[in-house]
Amino acid sequence: MTTIRKIQDEVCAAYGIRRNELMSRRRSKMVVRARHEAIRRARAETEASYADVGMAFDRCHTAIMYVCGALTNRQANRSKYPDMTGPSHA
């Protein structure tokens, strides 16, 4: 059975960052991408609630809801508009 801790460790290894960086408040692009990937995987691969995932990442459940929603919306926009580089594309 996959656990949130195992997902965090796998994502850290894949992105070449330490777990304390993943859990930190740092907002560098690489750390944020790794954190979002780990949060998305935690929701998809475990039966953990938003609150449970939030506790595992030292975040409130609404932050987890935002991450999951933002990733879903970003992926939908990429499939509709594959040439766009991001939400602020003009």
N, C-alpha and C. Protein backbone atom coordinates (compact mmCIF):
# COMPACT_ATOMS: atom_id res chain seq x y z
N MET A 1 0.83 -1.18 0.00
CA MET A 1 0.00 0.00 0.00
C MET A 1 0.88 1.25 0.00
N THR A 2 0.54 2.19 -0.85
CA THR A 2 1.29 3.43 -0.94
C THR A 2 0.91 4.36 0.20
N THR A 3 1.92 4.95 0.82
CA THR A 3 1.67 5.91 1.88
C THR A 3 2.12 7.30 1.43
N ILE A 4 1.63 8.31 2.10
CA ILE A 4 2.02 9.68 1.76
C ILE A 4 3.51 9.86 1.96
N ARG A 5 4.04 9.30 3.02
CA ARG A 5 5.49 9.42 3.29
C ARG A 5 6.30 8.81 2.15
N LYS A 6 5.87 7.64 1.66
CA LYS A 6 6.58 6.98 0.55
C LYS A 6 6.51 7.86 -0.70
N ILE A 7 5.36 8.45 -0.97
CA ILE A 7 5.22 9.34 -2.13
C ILE A 7 6.15 10.54 -1.98
N GLN A 8 6.19 11.13 -0.79
CA GLN A 8 7.08 12.27 -0.55
C GLN A 8 8.53 11.88 -0.83
N ASP A 9 8.96 10.72 -0.35
CA ASP A 9 10.33 10.26 -0.56
C ASP A 9 10.62 10.03 -2.04
N GLU A 10 9.67 9.43 -2.77
CA GLU A 10 9.86 9.18 -4.20
C GLU A 10 9.96 10.48 -4.98
N VAL A 11 9.11 11.43 -4.66
CA VAL A 11 9.13 12.72 -5.36
C VAL A 11 10.43 13.46 -5.05
N CYS A 12 10.86 13.43 -3.80
CA CYS A 12 12.13 14.08 -3.44
C CYS A 12 13.28 13.48 -4.23
N ALA A 13 13.31 12.16 -4.34
CA ALA A 13 14.37 11.49 -5.10
C ALA A 13 14.31 11.89 -6.58
N ALA A 14 13.11 11.95 -7.13
CA ALA A 14 12.96 12.29 -8.55
C ALA A 14 13.38 13.73 -8.85
N TYR A 15 13.11 14.64 -7.93
CA TYR A 15 13.43 16.05 -8.13
C TYR A 15 14.78 16.44 -7.54
N GLY A 16 15.42 15.54 -6.83
CA GLY A 16 16.73 15.82 -6.26
C GLY A 16 16.69 16.85 -5.14
N ILE A 17 15.63 16.81 -4.34
CA ILE A 17 15.53 17.72 -3.21
C ILE A 17 15.38 16.92 -1.93
N ARG A 18 15.64 17.58 -0.80
CA ARG A 18 15.47 16.92 0.50
C ARG A 18 14.02 17.05 0.95
N ARG A 19 13.62 16.15 1.83
CA ARG A 19 12.24 16.15 2.31
C ARG A 19 11.91 17.44 3.06
N ASN A 20 12.88 17.99 3.81
CA ASN A 20 12.60 19.23 4.53
C ASN A 20 12.36 20.39 3.56
N GLU A 21 12.94 20.35 2.36
CA GLU A 21 12.65 21.36 1.35
C GLU A 21 11.22 21.20 0.83
N LEU A 22 10.81 19.95 0.62
CA LEU A 22 9.46 19.68 0.15
C LEU A 22 8.43 20.19 1.15
N MET A 23 8.72 20.06 2.44
CA MET A 23 7.80 20.45 3.49
C MET A 23 7.89 21.94 3.84
N SER A 24 8.91 22.62 3.35
CA SER A 24 9.14 24.01 3.72
C SER A 24 8.15 24.95 3.04
N ARG A 25 8.26 26.21 3.37
CA ARG A 25 7.43 27.25 2.75
C ARG A 25 8.11 27.85 1.52
N ARG A 26 9.25 27.31 1.12
CA ARG A 26 9.96 27.82 -0.06
C ARG A 26 9.07 27.78 -1.28
N ARG A 27 9.23 28.77 -2.14
CA ARG A 27 8.38 28.86 -3.32
C ARG A 27 9.18 28.90 -4.61
N SER A 28 10.39 28.36 -4.60
CA SER A 28 11.14 28.28 -5.85
C SER A 28 10.41 27.32 -6.79
N LYS A 29 10.57 27.53 -8.06
CA LYS A 29 9.80 26.78 -9.05
C LYS A 29 9.97 25.27 -8.89
N MET A 30 11.19 24.81 -8.70
CA MET A 30 11.41 23.37 -8.60
C MET A 30 10.76 22.78 -7.35
N VAL A 31 10.87 23.47 -6.23
CA VAL A 31 10.28 22.96 -4.99
C VAL A 31 8.76 22.96 -5.09
N VAL A 32 8.19 24.01 -5.66
CA VAL A 32 6.73 24.08 -5.80
C VAL A 32 6.24 22.97 -6.72
N ARG A 33 6.93 22.74 -7.83
CA ARG A 33 6.52 21.66 -8.74
C ARG A 33 6.59 20.30 -8.06
N ALA A 34 7.66 20.08 -7.31
CA ALA A 34 7.80 18.81 -6.59
C ALA A 34 6.69 18.67 -5.55
N ARG A 35 6.43 19.72 -4.80
CA ARG A 35 5.39 19.68 -3.77
C ARG A 35 4.03 19.40 -4.39
N HIS A 36 3.72 20.09 -5.49
CA HIS A 36 2.43 19.89 -6.16
C HIS A 36 2.31 18.47 -6.70
N GLU A 37 3.39 17.95 -7.24
CA GLU A 37 3.38 16.56 -7.74
C GLU A 37 3.10 15.60 -6.59
N ALA A 38 3.77 15.81 -5.46
CA ALA A 38 3.58 14.92 -4.32
C ALA A 38 2.16 15.03 -3.77
N ILE A 39 1.62 16.24 -3.70
CA ILE A 39 0.25 16.43 -3.22
C ILE A 39 -0.75 15.76 -4.16
N ARG A 40 -0.56 15.96 -5.45
CA ARG A 40 -1.46 15.35 -6.44
C ARG A 40 -1.42 13.83 -6.33
N ARG A 41 -0.21 13.28 -6.22
CA ARG A 41 -0.08 11.83 -6.10
C ARG A 41 -0.68 11.32 -4.79
N ALA A 42 -0.50 12.07 -3.71
CA ALA A 42 -1.06 11.65 -2.42
C ALA A 42 -2.57 11.54 -2.50
N ARG A 43 -3.21 12.48 -3.17
CA ARG A 43 -4.67 12.42 -3.31
C ARG A 43 -5.09 11.29 -4.24
N ALA A 44 -4.33 11.06 -5.31
CA ALA A 44 -4.71 10.07 -6.32
C ALA A 44 -4.40 8.63 -5.87
N GLU A 45 -3.31 8.44 -5.15
CA GLU A 45 -2.83 7.09 -4.86
C GLU A 45 -3.16 6.60 -3.46
N THR A 46 -3.71 7.45 -2.63
CA THR A 46 -4.11 7.03 -1.29
C THR A 46 -5.58 7.37 -1.09
N GLU A 47 -6.12 6.90 -0.02
CA GLU A 47 -7.51 7.24 0.31
C GLU A 47 -7.55 8.40 1.30
N ALA A 48 -6.48 9.15 1.38
CA ALA A 48 -6.38 10.25 2.34
C ALA A 48 -7.29 11.40 1.94
N SER A 49 -7.90 12.02 2.94
CA SER A 49 -8.74 13.19 2.71
C SER A 49 -7.85 14.41 2.49
N TYR A 50 -8.48 15.52 2.08
CA TYR A 50 -7.74 16.78 1.94
C TYR A 50 -7.08 17.14 3.27
N ALA A 51 -7.80 16.96 4.36
CA ALA A 51 -7.25 17.29 5.69
C ALA A 51 -6.05 16.40 6.03
N ASP A 52 -6.14 15.11 5.71
CA ASP A 52 -5.03 14.19 5.98
C ASP A 52 -3.79 14.57 5.17
N VAL A 53 -4.00 14.87 3.90
CA VAL A 53 -2.87 15.28 3.05
C VAL A 53 -2.30 16.60 3.56
N GLY A 54 -3.17 17.50 3.94
CA GLY A 54 -2.72 18.78 4.49
C GLY A 54 -1.84 18.59 5.71
N MET A 55 -2.25 17.72 6.62
CA MET A 55 -1.44 17.47 7.82
C MET A 55 -0.09 16.87 7.45
N ALA A 56 -0.06 16.00 6.47
CA ALA A 56 1.19 15.36 6.05
C ALA A 56 2.16 16.35 5.41
N PHE A 57 1.62 17.44 4.83
CA PHE A 57 2.46 18.45 4.18
C PHE A 57 2.54 19.75 4.98
N ASP A 58 2.01 19.74 6.20
CA ASP A 58 1.99 20.92 7.07
C ASP A 58 1.30 22.09 6.37
N ARG A 59 0.16 21.80 5.77
CA ARG A 59 -0.65 22.80 5.07
C ARG A 59 -2.11 22.61 5.49
N CYS A 60 -2.92 23.64 5.30
CA CYS A 60 -4.34 23.49 5.60
C CYS A 60 -5.02 22.77 4.43
N HIS A 61 -6.18 22.19 4.71
CA HIS A 61 -6.86 21.39 3.67
C HIS A 61 -7.25 22.24 2.47
N THR A 62 -7.49 23.54 2.67
CA THR A 62 -7.87 24.38 1.52
C THR A 62 -6.70 24.59 0.57
N ALA A 63 -5.48 24.60 1.10
CA ALA A 63 -4.30 24.70 0.23
C ALA A 63 -4.19 23.45 -0.64
N ILE A 64 -4.51 22.30 -0.06
CA ILE A 64 -4.46 21.05 -0.82
C ILE A 64 -5.55 21.06 -1.89
N MET A 65 -6.73 21.54 -1.54
CA MET A 65 -7.82 21.64 -2.52
C MET A 65 -7.42 22.56 -3.67
N TYR A 66 -6.76 23.67 -3.37
CA TYR A 66 -6.32 24.60 -4.40
C TYR A 66 -5.31 23.93 -5.33
N VAL A 67 -4.33 23.24 -4.75
CA VAL A 67 -3.31 22.58 -5.57
C VAL A 67 -3.96 21.56 -6.50
N CYS A 68 -4.83 20.74 -5.98
CA CYS A 68 -5.48 19.71 -6.81
C CYS A 68 -6.33 20.34 -7.90
N GLY A 69 -7.05 21.39 -7.58
CA GLY A 69 -7.87 22.09 -8.56
C GLY A 69 -7.03 22.83 -9.59
N ALA A 70 -5.97 23.47 -9.14
CA ALA A 70 -5.11 24.23 -10.04
C ALA A 70 -4.42 23.30 -11.03
N LEU A 71 -3.97 22.14 -10.56
CA LEU A 71 -3.33 21.20 -11.47
C LEU A 71 -4.31 20.67 -12.49
N THR A 72 -5.52 20.37 -12.06
CA THR A 72 -6.54 19.88 -12.98
C THR A 72 -6.86 20.93 -14.03
N ASN A 73 -7.03 22.18 -13.62
CA ASN A 73 -7.33 23.26 -14.55
C ASN A 73 -6.17 23.50 -15.51
N ARG A 74 -4.94 23.46 -15.04
CA ARG A 74 -3.78 23.68 -15.88
C ARG A 74 -3.66 22.59 -16.93
N GLN A 75 -3.91 21.33 -16.55
CA GLN A 75 -3.83 20.24 -17.50
C GLN A 75 -4.94 20.36 -18.55
N ALA A 76 -6.12 20.79 -18.15
CA ALA A 76 -7.22 20.98 -19.09
C ALA A 76 -6.88 22.08 -20.09
N ASN A 77 -6.29 23.17 -19.62
CA ASN A 77 -5.92 24.26 -20.51
C ASN A 77 -4.83 23.84 -21.49
N ARG A 78 -3.90 23.02 -21.05
CA ARG A 78 -2.85 22.55 -21.96
C ARG A 78 -3.42 21.71 -23.08
N SER A 79 -4.44 20.91 -22.79
CA SER A 79 -5.02 20.08 -23.85
C SER A 79 -5.85 20.94 -24.80
N LYS A 80 -6.47 22.00 -24.30
CA LYS A 80 -7.25 22.89 -25.17
C LYS A 80 -6.34 23.81 -25.98
N TYR A 81 -5.28 24.31 -25.32
CA TYR A 81 -4.39 25.29 -25.93
C TYR A 81 -2.94 24.86 -25.75
N PRO A 82 -2.48 23.89 -26.53
CA PRO A 82 -1.16 23.32 -26.31
C PRO A 82 0.00 24.30 -26.51
N ASP A 83 -0.24 25.41 -27.23
CA ASP A 83 0.86 26.36 -27.45
C ASP A 83 1.01 27.37 -26.32
N MET A 84 0.12 27.36 -25.34
CA MET A 84 0.20 28.30 -24.23
C MET A 84 1.28 27.85 -23.25
N THR A 85 2.03 28.80 -22.72
CA THR A 85 3.09 28.48 -21.78
C THR A 85 2.66 28.62 -20.34
N GLY A 86 1.52 29.19 -20.07
CA GLY A 86 1.06 29.34 -18.70
C GLY A 86 -0.20 30.17 -18.63
N PRO A 87 -0.72 30.35 -17.43
CA PRO A 87 -1.99 31.07 -17.27
C PRO A 87 -1.91 32.55 -17.62
N SER A 88 -0.70 33.15 -17.62
CA SER A 88 -0.59 34.58 -17.92
C SER A 88 -0.17 34.83 -19.37
N HIS A 89 -0.28 33.82 -20.20
CA HIS A 89 0.09 33.96 -21.62
C HIS A 89 -0.76 35.02 -22.30
N ALA A 90 -0.11 35.95 -22.97
CA ALA A 90 -0.86 37.01 -23.66
C ALA A 90 -0.68 36.94 -25.15
